[in-house]
Amino acid sequence: MFFISFINHTGTKVSVSLDGLEHFHNKTRSFSHNNGSFFYVKQNLLTLIENNITPSIMTVLSDDNIDGIFEFCKWMVDLRLPFRFAIVHDRPFNYEKAYNILLECYNYIALRIKDGYPFTSLHQLADL
């Protein structure tokens, strides 16, 4: 719990790169022997939240994770985590598919805004 105490004492901000929920994150973020890291990242995020530390999430949208972005977005919104989506630049990307999925995300967020979700302080869409 040293790091929790340190973060709370210093007011340090925590930011995590996460590619999506389990399957989508583990596609590109794994330990040796293909053991995915999502389980550990999720546990650490929940530990931070339980200790009144709100981590922010950075996600690069790509063809590898776009199919899981809607569920991932709902998860982050429901936890009220600050998050940033950025578009991949170094490889081909299905922009039309991403547009449709992001439209789903923002429709969900619009419903949550009606319930008081503070969209402008918790989300960024970057690198467009």
C-alpha atoms as a PDB file:
ATOM      1  CA  MET A   1       0.000   0.000   0.000  1.00  0.00           C
ATOM      2  CA  PHE A   2       3.053   2.257  -0.166  1.00  0.00           C
ATOM      3  CA  PHE A   3       2.093   3.483  -3.625  1.00  0.00           C
ATOM      4  CA  ILE A   4      -1.484   4.234  -2.572  1.00  0.00           C
ATOM      5  CA  SER A   5      -0.182   6.301   0.354  1.00  0.00           C
ATOM      6  CA  PHE A   6       2.359   8.037  -1.878  1.00  0.00           C
ATOM      7  CA  ILE A   7      -0.255   8.906  -4.518  1.00  0.00           C
ATOM      8  CA  ASN A   8      -2.686  10.224  -1.912  1.00  0.00           C
ATOM      9  CA  HIS A   9       0.000  12.173  -0.058  1.00  0.00           C
ATOM     10  CA  THR A  10       1.499  13.815  -3.153  1.00  0.00           C
ATOM     11  CA  GLY A  11      -1.671  14.240  -5.209  1.00  0.00           C
ATOM     12  CA  THR A  12      -0.006  12.388  -8.073  1.00  0.00           C
ATOM     13  CA  LYS A  13      -2.237  11.721 -11.072  1.00  0.00           C
ATOM     14  CA  VAL A  14      -2.455   8.173 -12.425  1.00  0.00           C
ATOM     15  CA  SER A  15      -2.979   7.441 -16.089  1.00  0.00           C
ATOM     16  CA  VAL A  16      -3.232   3.979 -17.624  1.00  0.00           C
ATOM     17  CA  SER A  17      -3.055   2.837 -21.224  1.00  0.00           C
ATOM     18  CA  LEU A  18      -5.816   0.290 -21.714  1.00  0.00           C
ATOM     19  CA  ASP A  19      -6.948  -1.113 -25.070  1.00  0.00           C
ATOM     20  CA  GLY A  20     -10.361  -2.331 -24.001  1.00  0.00           C
ATOM     21  CA  LEU A  21     -11.893  -4.969 -21.816  1.00  0.00           C
ATOM     22  CA  GLU A  22     -10.266  -8.353 -21.341  1.00  0.00           C
ATOM     23  CA  HIS A  23     -10.153  -9.921 -24.811  1.00  0.00           C
ATOM     24  CA  PHE A  24      -9.320  -6.693 -26.632  1.00  0.00           C
ATOM     25  CA  HIS A  25      -6.696  -5.526 -24.161  1.00  0.00           C
ATOM     26  CA  ASN A  26      -5.004  -8.916 -23.977  1.00  0.00           C
ATOM     27  CA  LYS A  27      -4.631  -9.075 -27.790  1.00  0.00           C
ATOM     28  CA  THR A  28      -1.736  -6.644 -27.618  1.00  0.00           C
ATOM     29  CA  ARG A  29      -0.834  -6.409 -23.924  1.00  0.00           C
ATOM     30  CA  SER A  30       0.360  -9.692 -22.525  1.00  0.00           C
ATOM     31  CA  PHE A  31       3.104 -11.137 -20.400  1.00  0.00           C
ATOM     32  CA  SER A  32       5.355 -13.975 -21.500  1.00  0.00           C
ATOM     33  CA  HIS A  33       3.569 -17.175 -22.498  1.00  0.00           C
ATOM     34  CA  ASN A  34       0.644 -15.040 -23.807  1.00  0.00           C
ATOM     35  CA  ASN A  35      -0.811 -14.446 -20.349  1.00  0.00           C
ATOM     36  CA  GLY A  36      -2.905 -11.316 -20.744  1.00  0.00           C
ATOM     37  CA  SER A  37      -2.446  -8.378 -18.411  1.00  0.00           C
ATOM     38  CA  PHE A  38      -6.075  -7.182 -18.209  1.00  0.00           C
ATOM     39  CA  PHE A  39      -6.883  -9.055 -14.998  1.00  0.00           C
ATOM     40  CA  TYR A  40      -4.005  -7.346 -13.175  1.00  0.00           C
ATOM     41  CA  VAL A  41      -4.663  -3.925 -14.661  1.00  0.00           C
ATOM     42  CA  LYS A  42      -8.359  -4.143 -13.737  1.00  0.00           C
ATOM     43  CA  GLN A  43      -7.563  -5.220 -10.163  1.00  0.00           C
ATOM     44  CA  ASN A  44      -5.127  -2.328  -9.796  1.00  0.00           C
ATOM     45  CA  LEU A  45      -7.653   0.148 -11.197  1.00  0.00           C
ATOM     46  CA  LEU A  46     -10.299  -1.044  -8.753  1.00  0.00           C
ATOM     47  CA  THR A  47      -7.797  -0.803  -5.883  1.00  0.00           C
ATOM     48  CA  LEU A  48      -7.076   2.801  -6.842  1.00  0.00           C
ATOM     49  CA  ILE A  49     -10.793   3.616  -7.023  1.00  0.00           C
ATOM     50  CA  GLU A  50     -11.431   1.966  -3.632  1.00  0.00           C
ATOM     51  CA  ASN A  51      -8.754   4.269  -2.210  1.00  0.00           C
ATOM     52  CA  ASN A  52     -10.315   7.431  -3.652  1.00  0.00           C
ATOM     53  CA  ILE A  53      -7.820   7.710  -6.508  1.00  0.00           C
ATOM     54  CA  THR A  54      -9.403   8.243  -9.915  1.00  0.00           C
ATOM     55  CA  PRO A  55      -7.118   6.996 -12.676  1.00  0.00           C
ATOM     56  CA  SER A  56      -7.559   8.261 -16.212  1.00  0.00           C
ATOM     57  CA  ILE A  57      -7.604   5.844 -19.130  1.00  0.00           C
ATOM     58  CA  MET A  58      -5.894   6.378 -22.474  1.00  0.00           C
ATOM     59  CA  THR A  59      -7.014   4.231 -25.399  1.00  0.00           C
ATOM     60  CA  VAL A  60      -5.814   4.142 -28.980  1.00  0.00           C
ATOM     61  CA  LEU A  61      -8.621   3.035 -31.266  1.00  0.00           C
ATOM     62  CA  SER A  62      -7.521   0.548 -33.906  1.00  0.00           C
ATOM     63  CA  ASP A  63      -8.946  -2.299 -35.930  1.00  0.00           C
ATOM     64  CA  ASP A  64      -7.644  -4.582 -33.154  1.00  0.00           C
ATOM     65  CA  ASN A  65      -9.970  -3.169 -30.492  1.00  0.00           C
ATOM     66  CA  ILE A  66     -12.749  -1.198 -32.186  1.00  0.00           C
ATOM     67  CA  ASP A  67     -15.269  -4.046 -31.915  1.00  0.00           C
ATOM     68  CA  GLY A  68     -15.070  -3.894 -28.120  1.00  0.00           C
ATOM     69  CA  ILE A  69     -15.026  -0.125 -27.691  1.00  0.00           C
ATOM     70  CA  PHE A  70     -18.744   0.320 -26.999  1.00  0.00           C
ATOM     71  CA  GLU A  71     -18.726  -2.077 -24.021  1.00  0.00           C
ATOM     72  CA  PHE A  72     -15.430  -0.592 -22.856  1.00  0.00           C
ATOM     73  CA  CYS A  73     -16.841   2.926 -23.099  1.00  0.00           C
ATOM     74  CA  LYS A  74     -19.902   1.923 -21.049  1.00  0.00           C
ATOM     75  CA  TRP A  75     -17.617   0.377 -18.416  1.00  0.00           C
ATOM     76  CA  MET A  76     -15.542   3.560 -18.081  1.00  0.00           C
ATOM     77  CA  VAL A  77     -18.588   5.850 -18.078  1.00  0.00           C
ATOM     78  CA  ASP A  78     -20.334   3.735 -15.453  1.00  0.00           C
ATOM     79  CA  LEU A  79     -17.203   3.901 -13.256  1.00  0.00           C
ATOM     80  CA  ARG A  80     -16.927   7.643 -13.985  1.00  0.00           C
ATOM     81  CA  LEU A  81     -13.334   7.272 -15.077  1.00  0.00           C
ATOM     82  CA  PRO A  82     -11.784  10.064 -17.115  1.00  0.00           C
ATOM     83  CA  PHE A  83     -10.854   8.659 -20.516  1.00  0.00           C
ATOM     84  CA  ARG A  84      -9.317   9.670 -23.814  1.00  0.00           C
ATOM     85  CA  PHE A  85      -9.784   8.021 -27.176  1.00  0.00           C
ATOM     86  CA  ALA A  86      -7.168   8.581 -29.873  1.00  0.00           C
ATOM     87  CA  ILE A  87      -7.122   7.250 -33.427  1.00  0.00           C
ATOM     88  CA  VAL A  88      -4.299   5.000 -34.583  1.00  0.00           C
ATOM     89  CA  HIS A  89      -2.031   6.714 -37.129  1.00  0.00           C
ATOM     90  CA  ASP A  90       0.618   4.196 -38.097  1.00  0.00           C
ATOM     91  CA  ARG A  91      -1.538   1.585 -39.856  1.00  0.00           C
ATOM     92  CA  PRO A  92      -4.767   1.211 -41.826  1.00  0.00           C
ATOM     93  CA  PHE A  93      -7.954   1.890 -39.880  1.00  0.00           C
ATOM     94  CA  ASN A  94     -11.625   1.375 -40.716  1.00  0.00           C
ATOM     95  CA  TYR A  95     -12.860   4.918 -40.077  1.00  0.00           C
ATOM     96  CA  GLU A  96     -16.443   4.174 -41.151  1.00  0.00           C
ATOM     97  CA  LYS A  97     -16.746   1.323 -38.649  1.00  0.00           C
ATOM     98  CA  ALA A  98     -15.150   3.482 -35.953  1.00  0.00           C
ATOM     99  CA  TYR A  99     -17.583   6.298 -36.710  1.00  0.00           C
ATOM    100  CA  ASN A 100     -20.567   3.999 -36.217  1.00  0.00           C
ATOM    101  CA  ILE A 101     -19.207   2.525 -32.977  1.00  0.00           C
ATOM    102  CA  LEU A 102     -18.281   5.943 -31.600  1.00  0.00           C
ATOM    103  CA  LEU A 103     -21.774   7.133 -32.467  1.00  0.00           C
ATOM    104  CA  GLU A 104     -23.109   4.306 -30.265  1.00  0.00           C
ATOM    105  CA  CYS A 105     -20.732   5.380 -27.505  1.00  0.00           C
ATOM    106  CA  TYR A 106     -21.786   9.007 -27.659  1.00  0.00           C
ATOM    107  CA  ASN A 107     -25.478   8.085 -27.780  1.00  0.00           C
ATOM    108  CA  TYR A 108     -24.959   6.125 -24.557  1.00  0.00           C
ATOM    109  CA  ILE A 109     -23.046   9.025 -23.038  1.00  0.00           C
ATOM    110  CA  ALA A 110     -25.854  11.411 -24.047  1.00  0.00           C
ATOM    111  CA  LEU A 111     -28.283   9.311 -22.023  1.00  0.00           C
ATOM    112  CA  ARG A 112     -25.928   9.401 -19.057  1.00  0.00           C
ATOM    113  CA  ILE A 113     -25.510  13.183 -19.368  1.00  0.00           C
ATOM    114  CA  LYS A 114     -29.245  13.471 -18.709  1.00  0.00           C
ATOM    115  CA  ASP A 115     -28.541  11.667 -15.403  1.00  0.00           C
ATOM    116  CA  GLY A 116     -25.738  14.079 -14.487  1.00  0.00           C
ATOM    117  CA  TYR A 117     -22.697  12.460 -16.105  1.00  0.00           C
ATOM    118  CA  PRO A 118     -20.033  15.224 -16.391  1.00  0.00           C
ATOM    119  CA  PHE A 119     -18.975  14.452 -19.990  1.00  0.00           C
ATOM    120  CA  THR A 120     -16.809  17.496 -20.674  1.00  0.00           C
ATOM    121  CA  SER A 121     -14.619  16.913 -17.641  1.00  0.00           C
ATOM    122  CA  LEU A 122     -14.245  13.150 -18.115  1.00  0.00           C
ATOM    123  CA  HIS A 123     -13.711  12.577 -21.856  1.00  0.00           C
ATOM    124  CA  GLN A 124     -11.421  13.627 -24.693  1.00  0.00           C
ATOM    125  CA  LEU A 125     -11.379  12.581 -28.331  1.00  0.00           C
ATOM    126  CA  ALA A 126      -7.875  13.269 -29.581  1.00  0.00           C
ATOM    127  CA  ASP A 127      -5.561  13.047 -32.573  1.00  0.00           C
ATOM    128  CA  LEU A 128      -8.137  13.601 -35.266  1.00  0.00           C
END
